[in-house]
Amino acid sequence: MHVIPLALGDHWFEHHRQSRDILRTEWGLPLDAQVVGLFGRLDSLKGQRTLLGALAQPEGLKWHALLVGENTRDELKDEQQTLQRLAQTLGVSDRVHWHAPVTDLRGAYDACDAFAMCSLSETFGMVTIEAMARNLPVIGTNAGGTPELLLHGEAGVLFEPNDSKALARALADFKKWPIPPPGHRQKFQKSTALKKWSQLLDSLRSSPS
């Protein structure tokens, strides 16, 4: 059995980026705040409510959140409205920044200090890979395929789904989060994946029938 993961274009791993202040201004974020990102469709399964709950905890009071996404299409419920009401109820609406989906999210990742993958379960969360590609510290739910992507805590922090308090505690200590070991990010780089595919096909061609 050979495992070759899904991959991102090599441009994701290039780090010629704009200054943080310019990016913060472009995304409407305060220049001096700690910002955690959560990108993807606005859906109860994606965990945005968990992040909002974390901001309301004592450990999360210094954090702002950048939420990029829109409601799941063709569904009658308005999750964004629900989330905005929840933010008001929790008293965190002034620290939550909303943005519609964009084609290229690299600038959004680069504007953040950390990334939270809060889904109840993801088989293979591309946002987790994107965040790692941008050298962003990642925290993800201990469910689905996320633990494997984060090497079960060696390449990021894990917390239990729906646990806002655990997420807040982790955010309070985010500078101590582990970073991916050398070579882990490159596993998800397109050029690496293509090389592995080429090697695999060559080995199959040369093997006895």
C-alpha atoms as a PDB file:
ATOM      1  CA  MET A   1       0.000   0.000   0.000  1.00  0.00           C
ATOM      2  CA  HIS A   2       1.258   3.471  -0.919  1.00  0.00           C
ATOM      3  CA  VAL A   3      -0.146   6.648   0.653  1.00  0.00           C
ATOM      4  CA  ILE A   4       0.223   9.878  -1.302  1.00  0.00           C
ATOM      5  CA  PRO A   5      -1.838  12.656   0.319  1.00  0.00           C
ATOM      6  CA  LEU A   6      -3.740  15.422  -1.409  1.00  0.00           C
ATOM      7  CA  ALA A   7      -1.440  18.335  -2.096  1.00  0.00           C
ATOM      8  CA  LEU A   8      -1.362  22.112  -2.438  1.00  0.00           C
ATOM      9  CA  GLY A   9       0.274  24.069  -5.226  1.00  0.00           C
ATOM     10  CA  ASP A  10       3.871  25.007  -4.527  1.00  0.00           C
ATOM     11  CA  HIS A  11       2.904  28.701  -4.322  1.00  0.00           C
ATOM     12  CA  TRP A  12       1.299  27.974  -0.955  1.00  0.00           C
ATOM     13  CA  PHE A  13       4.739  27.254   0.462  1.00  0.00           C
ATOM     14  CA  GLU A  14       6.360  30.426  -0.861  1.00  0.00           C
ATOM     15  CA  HIS A  15       6.829  32.960   1.892  1.00  0.00           C
ATOM     16  CA  HIS A  16       7.400  36.208   0.033  1.00  0.00           C
ATOM     17  CA  ARG A  17       4.543  37.945   1.770  1.00  0.00           C
ATOM     18  CA  GLN A  18       3.329  41.438   2.512  1.00  0.00           C
ATOM     19  CA  SER A  19       3.973  42.989   5.896  1.00  0.00           C
ATOM     20  CA  ARG A  20       1.616  42.034   8.706  1.00  0.00           C
ATOM     21  CA  ASP A  21       0.388  45.630   9.096  1.00  0.00           C
ATOM     22  CA  ILE A  22      -0.588  45.865   5.426  1.00  0.00           C
ATOM     23  CA  LEU A  23      -2.399  42.530   5.571  1.00  0.00           C
ATOM     24  CA  ARG A  24      -4.177  43.462   8.789  1.00  0.00           C
ATOM     25  CA  THR A  25      -5.399  46.684   7.177  1.00  0.00           C
ATOM     26  CA  GLU A  26      -6.594  44.852   4.053  1.00  0.00           C
ATOM     27  CA  TRP A  27      -8.584  42.363   6.139  1.00  0.00           C
ATOM     28  CA  GLY A  28      -9.976  44.958   8.533  1.00  0.00           C
ATOM     29  CA  LEU A  29      -8.114  43.632  11.553  1.00  0.00           C
ATOM     30  CA  PRO A  30      -6.561  45.560  14.442  1.00  0.00           C
ATOM     31  CA  LEU A  31      -2.816  45.883  14.103  1.00  0.00           C
ATOM     32  CA  ASP A  32      -1.925  45.039  17.697  1.00  0.00           C
ATOM     33  CA  ALA A  33      -4.380  42.220  18.491  1.00  0.00           C
ATOM     34  CA  GLN A  34      -3.877  38.472  18.601  1.00  0.00           C
ATOM     35  CA  VAL A  35      -5.973  37.016  15.782  1.00  0.00           C
ATOM     36  CA  VAL A  36      -7.079  33.428  15.301  1.00  0.00           C
ATOM     37  CA  GLY A  37      -8.507  32.407  11.945  1.00  0.00           C
ATOM     38  CA  LEU A  38     -11.230  29.937  11.061  1.00  0.00           C
ATOM     39  CA  PHE A  39     -12.033  29.605   7.364  1.00  0.00           C
ATOM     40  CA  GLY A  40     -14.756  27.616   5.621  1.00  0.00           C
ATOM     41  CA  ARG A  41     -18.470  27.512   5.168  1.00  0.00           C
ATOM     42  CA  LEU A  42     -20.560  28.747   8.082  1.00  0.00           C
ATOM     43  CA  ASP A  43     -22.181  25.601   9.409  1.00  0.00           C
ATOM     44  CA  SER A  44     -22.940  24.161  12.834  1.00  0.00           C
ATOM     45  CA  LEU A  45     -20.653  21.216  12.025  1.00  0.00           C
ATOM     46  CA  LYS A  46     -17.681  23.514  11.327  1.00  0.00           C
ATOM     47  CA  GLY A  47     -17.331  24.692  14.911  1.00  0.00           C
ATOM     48  CA  GLN A  48     -17.539  28.470  14.600  1.00  0.00           C
ATOM     49  CA  ARG A  49     -19.738  28.452  17.713  1.00  0.00           C
ATOM     50  CA  THR A  50     -16.945  26.736  19.623  1.00  0.00           C
ATOM     51  CA  LEU A  51     -14.503  29.475  18.670  1.00  0.00           C
ATOM     52  CA  LEU A  52     -16.915  32.213  19.693  1.00  0.00           C
ATOM     53  CA  GLY A  53     -17.366  30.472  23.021  1.00  0.00           C
ATOM     54  CA  ALA A  54     -13.588  30.377  23.464  1.00  0.00           C
ATOM     55  CA  LEU A  55     -13.321  34.131  22.943  1.00  0.00           C
ATOM     56  CA  ALA A  56     -15.759  34.626  25.816  1.00  0.00           C
ATOM     57  CA  GLN A  57     -13.641  32.614  28.258  1.00  0.00           C
ATOM     58  CA  PRO A  58     -11.195  34.495  30.546  1.00  0.00           C
ATOM     59  CA  GLU A  59      -8.238  32.989  28.664  1.00  0.00           C
ATOM     60  CA  GLY A  60      -9.656  34.104  25.319  1.00  0.00           C
ATOM     61  CA  LEU A  61     -10.342  37.743  26.103  1.00  0.00           C
ATOM     62  CA  LYS A  62      -7.201  39.003  24.344  1.00  0.00           C
ATOM     63  CA  TRP A  63      -8.071  37.266  21.079  1.00  0.00           C
ATOM     64  CA  HIS A  64      -9.884  38.430  17.963  1.00  0.00           C
ATOM     65  CA  ALA A  65     -11.262  36.002  15.383  1.00  0.00           C
ATOM     66  CA  LEU A  66     -11.259  36.250  11.595  1.00  0.00           C
ATOM     67  CA  LEU A  67     -14.083  34.156  10.120  1.00  0.00           C
ATOM     68  CA  VAL A  68     -13.992  33.790   6.342  1.00  0.00           C
ATOM     69  CA  GLY A  69     -16.929  31.993   4.758  1.00  0.00           C
ATOM     70  CA  GLU A  70     -20.591  32.015   3.911  1.00  0.00           C
ATOM     71  CA  ASN A  71     -23.696  29.996   4.696  1.00  0.00           C
ATOM     72  CA  THR A  72     -23.960  26.521   3.223  1.00  0.00           C
ATOM     73  CA  ARG A  73     -25.656  26.993  -0.117  1.00  0.00           C
ATOM     74  CA  ASP A  74     -29.201  25.771  -0.722  1.00  0.00           C
ATOM     75  CA  GLU A  75     -29.942  25.537   2.998  1.00  0.00           C
ATOM     76  CA  LEU A  76     -32.792  27.523   4.505  1.00  0.00           C
ATOM     77  CA  LYS A  77     -31.114  28.336   7.823  1.00  0.00           C
ATOM     78  CA  ASP A  78     -28.961  31.439   8.158  1.00  0.00           C
ATOM     79  CA  GLU A  79     -25.979  30.261  10.203  1.00  0.00           C
ATOM     80  CA  GLN A  80     -24.175  33.577   9.886  1.00  0.00           C
ATOM     81  CA  GLN A  81     -27.073  35.384  11.501  1.00  0.00           C
ATOM     82  CA  THR A  82     -27.134  32.755  14.260  1.00  0.00           C
ATOM     83  CA  LEU A  83     -23.397  33.197  14.840  1.00  0.00           C
ATOM     84  CA  GLN A  84     -23.644  36.976  14.897  1.00  0.00           C
ATOM     85  CA  ARG A  85     -26.410  36.798  17.472  1.00  0.00           C
ATOM     86  CA  LEU A  86     -24.342  34.385  19.546  1.00  0.00           C
ATOM     87  CA  ALA A  87     -21.368  36.750  19.394  1.00  0.00           C
ATOM     88  CA  GLN A  88     -23.556  39.557  20.690  1.00  0.00           C
ATOM     89  CA  THR A  89     -24.944  37.379  23.477  1.00  0.00           C
ATOM     90  CA  LEU A  90     -21.434  36.348  24.512  1.00  0.00           C
ATOM     91  CA  GLY A  91     -20.203  39.931  24.372  1.00  0.00           C
ATOM     92  CA  VAL A  92     -17.516  39.238  21.776  1.00  0.00           C
ATOM     93  CA  SER A  93     -19.018  40.795  18.636  1.00  0.00           C
ATOM     94  CA  ASP A  94     -16.453  43.612  18.681  1.00  0.00           C
ATOM     95  CA  ARG A  95     -13.673  41.002  18.408  1.00  0.00           C
ATOM     96  CA  VAL A  96     -15.163  38.933  15.579  1.00  0.00           C
ATOM     97  CA  HIS A  97     -14.363  39.965  12.012  1.00  0.00           C
ATOM     98  CA  TRP A  98     -16.453  38.554   9.163  1.00  0.00           C
ATOM     99  CA  HIS A  99     -15.337  38.223   5.576  1.00  0.00           C
ATOM    100  CA  ALA A 100     -16.915  36.671   2.496  1.00  0.00           C
ATOM    101  CA  PRO A 101     -15.075  33.819   0.735  1.00  0.00           C
ATOM    102  CA  VAL A 102     -12.170  34.756  -1.513  1.00  0.00           C
ATOM    103  CA  THR A 103     -10.277  32.822  -4.168  1.00  0.00           C
ATOM    104  CA  ASP A 104      -6.854  33.172  -2.547  1.00  0.00           C
ATOM    105  CA  LEU A 105      -6.720  32.853   1.242  1.00  0.00           C
ATOM    106  CA  ARG A 106      -2.965  33.117   1.667  1.00  0.00           C
ATOM    107  CA  GLY A 107      -3.213  36.716   2.826  1.00  0.00           C
ATOM    108  CA  ALA A 108      -5.856  35.789   5.390  1.00  0.00           C
ATOM    109  CA  TYR A 109      -3.634  33.104   6.898  1.00  0.00           C
ATOM    110  CA  ASP A 110      -0.661  35.477   6.904  1.00  0.00           C
ATOM    111  CA  ALA A 111      -2.703  38.115   8.751  1.00  0.00           C
ATOM    112  CA  CYS A 112      -3.415  35.726  11.640  1.00  0.00           C
ATOM    113  CA  ASP A 113      -1.344  34.586  14.610  1.00  0.00           C
ATOM    114  CA  ALA A 114      -2.928  31.126  14.829  1.00  0.00           C
ATOM    115  CA  PHE A 115      -5.465  28.941  13.051  1.00  0.00           C
ATOM    116  CA  ALA A 116      -8.253  26.896  14.621  1.00  0.00           C
ATOM    117  CA  MET A 117      -9.800  23.907  12.850  1.00  0.00           C
ATOM    118  CA  CYS A 118     -12.937  23.465  14.961  1.00  0.00           C
ATOM    119  CA  SER A 119     -15.011  21.033  12.872  1.00  0.00           C
ATOM    120  CA  LEU A 120     -16.724  18.190  14.698  1.00  0.00           C
ATOM    121  CA  SER A 121     -14.897  15.874  12.295  1.00  0.00           C
ATOM    122  CA  GLU A 122     -12.996  16.244   9.020  1.00  0.00           C
ATOM    123  CA  THR A 123     -11.668  13.384   6.934  1.00  0.00           C
ATOM    124  CA  PHE A 124      -8.927  15.555   5.395  1.00  0.00           C
ATOM    125  CA  GLY A 125      -9.137  19.233   6.291  1.00  0.00           C
ATOM    126  CA  MET A 126      -7.493  21.238   3.520  1.00  0.00           C
ATOM    127  CA  VAL A 127      -7.577  24.361   5.706  1.00  0.00           C
ATOM    128  CA  THR A 128      -5.323  22.551   8.174  1.00  0.00           C
ATOM    129  CA  ILE A 129      -2.811  21.864   5.412  1.00  0.00           C
ATOM    130  CA  GLU A 130      -3.101  25.424   4.105  1.00  0.00           C
ATOM    131  CA  ALA A 131      -2.398  26.862   7.559  1.00  0.00           C
ATOM    132  CA  MET A 132       0.657  24.653   7.994  1.00  0.00           C
ATOM    133  CA  ALA A 133       1.872  25.628   4.516  1.00  0.00           C
ATOM    134  CA  ARG A 134       1.787  29.260   5.634  1.00  0.00           C
ATOM    135  CA  ASN A 135       3.783  28.419   8.797  1.00  0.00           C
ATOM    136  CA  LEU A 136       0.800  29.230  11.000  1.00  0.00           C
ATOM    137  CA  PRO A 137       0.442  27.506  14.398  1.00  0.00           C
ATOM    138  CA  VAL A 138      -2.568  25.180  14.236  1.00  0.00           C
ATOM    139  CA  ILE A 139      -5.015  23.813  16.780  1.00  0.00           C
ATOM    140  CA  GLY A 140      -7.519  21.208  15.609  1.00  0.00           C
ATOM    141  CA  THR A 141     -10.204  18.946  16.932  1.00  0.00           C
ATOM    142  CA  ASN A 142      -9.209  15.497  18.090  1.00  0.00           C
ATOM    143  CA  ALA A 143     -11.522  13.794  15.610  1.00  0.00           C
ATOM    144  CA  GLY A 144     -11.568  12.444  12.064  1.00  0.00           C
ATOM    145  CA  GLY A 145      -8.355  12.849  10.106  1.00  0.00           C
ATOM    146  CA  THR A 146      -7.103  15.965  11.897  1.00  0.00           C
ATOM    147  CA  PRO A 147      -5.034  14.107  14.550  1.00  0.00           C
ATOM    148  CA  GLU A 148      -3.126  12.361  11.768  1.00  0.00           C
ATOM    149  CA  LEU A 149      -2.485  15.618   9.907  1.00  0.00           C
ATOM    150  CA  LEU A 150      -1.149  17.160  13.126  1.00  0.00           C
ATOM    151  CA  LEU A 151       0.880  14.031  13.934  1.00  0.00           C
ATOM    152  CA  HIS A 152      -1.231  13.406  17.026  1.00  0.00           C
ATOM    153  CA  GLY A 153       0.009  16.555  18.698  1.00  0.00           C
ATOM    154  CA  GLU A 154       3.555  16.747  17.332  1.00  0.00           C
ATOM    155  CA  ALA A 155       2.697  19.234  14.565  1.00  0.00           C
ATOM    156  CA  GLY A 156      -0.031  21.194  16.342  1.00  0.00           C
ATOM    157  CA  VAL A 157      -2.392  21.166  19.301  1.00  0.00           C
ATOM    158  CA  LEU A 158      -5.487  18.965  19.630  1.00  0.00           C
ATOM    159  CA  PHE A 159      -8.638  19.609  21.643  1.00  0.00           C
ATOM    160  CA  GLU A 160     -11.957  17.828  21.951  1.00  0.00           C
ATOM    161  CA  PRO A 161     -14.785  18.978  19.653  1.00  0.00           C
ATOM    162  CA  ASN A 162     -17.221  21.540  21.109  1.00  0.00           C
ATOM    163  CA  ASP A 163     -14.909  22.254  24.075  1.00  0.00           C
ATOM    164  CA  SER A 164     -14.669  26.048  24.095  1.00  0.00           C
ATOM    165  CA  LYS A 165     -12.874  26.109  27.431  1.00  0.00           C
ATOM    166  CA  ALA A 166     -10.123  23.776  26.204  1.00  0.00           C
ATOM    167  CA  LEU A 167      -9.711  25.873  23.059  1.00  0.00           C
ATOM    168  CA  ALA A 168      -9.447  29.057  25.135  1.00  0.00           C
ATOM    169  CA  ARG A 169      -6.832  27.515  27.424  1.00  0.00           C
ATOM    170  CA  ALA A 170      -4.786  26.446  24.420  1.00  0.00           C
ATOM    171  CA  LEU A 171      -5.016  29.894  22.825  1.00  0.00           C
ATOM    172  CA  ALA A 172      -3.715  31.453  26.029  1.00  0.00           C
ATOM    173  CA  ASP A 173      -0.547  29.409  25.602  1.00  0.00           C
ATOM    174  CA  PHE A 174      -0.291  29.369  21.809  1.00  0.00           C
ATOM    175  CA  LYS A 175       3.345  30.476  21.653  1.00  0.00           C
ATOM    176  CA  LYS A 176       4.281  27.080  23.087  1.00  0.00           C
ATOM    177  CA  TRP A 177       2.390  25.098  20.439  1.00  0.00           C
ATOM    178  CA  PRO A 178       4.564  22.562  18.614  1.00  0.00           C
ATOM    179  CA  ILE A 179       5.561  23.296  15.052  1.00  0.00           C
ATOM    180  CA  PRO A 180       5.582  20.636  12.320  1.00  0.00           C
ATOM    181  CA  PRO A 181       8.859  18.701  12.238  1.00  0.00           C
ATOM    182  CA  PRO A 182      11.120  19.150   9.197  1.00  0.00           C
ATOM    183  CA  GLY A 183       9.644  17.648   6.066  1.00  0.00           C
ATOM    184  CA  HIS A 184       6.081  17.290   7.344  1.00  0.00           C
ATOM    185  CA  ARG A 185       4.704  20.312   5.485  1.00  0.00           C
ATOM    186  CA  GLN A 186       6.448  19.247   2.290  1.00  0.00           C
ATOM    187  CA  LYS A 187       4.470  15.982   2.251  1.00  0.00           C
ATOM    188  CA  PHE A 188       1.513  18.079   1.129  1.00  0.00           C
ATOM    189  CA  GLN A 189       3.358  20.041  -1.549  1.00  0.00           C
ATOM    190  CA  LYS A 190       2.345  19.392  -5.156  1.00  0.00           C
ATOM    191  CA  SER A 191       5.897  18.906  -6.398  1.00  0.00           C
ATOM    192  CA  THR A 192       6.503  16.323  -3.664  1.00  0.00           C
ATOM    193  CA  ALA A 193       3.291  14.461  -4.493  1.00  0.00           C
ATOM    194  CA  LEU A 194       4.098  14.427  -8.222  1.00  0.00           C
ATOM    195  CA  LYS A 195       7.564  13.057  -7.521  1.00  0.00           C
ATOM    196  CA  LYS A 196       6.076  10.261  -5.409  1.00  0.00           C
ATOM    197  CA  TRP A 197       3.539   9.449  -8.111  1.00  0.00           C
ATOM    198  CA  SER A 198       6.312   9.294 -10.706  1.00  0.00           C
ATOM    199  CA  GLN A 199       8.424   7.017  -8.523  1.00  0.00           C
ATOM    200  CA  LEU A 200       5.456   4.756  -7.825  1.00  0.00           C
ATOM    201  CA  LEU A 201       4.523   4.448 -11.509  1.00  0.00           C
ATOM    202  CA  ASP A 202       8.142   3.732 -12.443  1.00  0.00           C
ATOM    203  CA  SER A 203       8.326   0.983  -9.835  1.00  0.00           C
ATOM    204  CA  LEU A 204       5.106  -0.556 -11.119  1.00  0.00           C
ATOM    205  CA  ARG A 205       6.361  -0.512 -14.703  1.00  0.00           C
ATOM    206  CA  SER A 206       9.629  -2.180 -13.759  1.00  0.00           C
ATOM    207  CA  SER A 207       8.131  -4.808 -11.468  1.00  0.00           C
ATOM    208  CA  PRO A 208       7.603  -8.334 -12.799  1.00  0.00           C
ATOM    209  CA  SER A 209       4.109  -8.938 -14.149  1.00  0.00           C
END
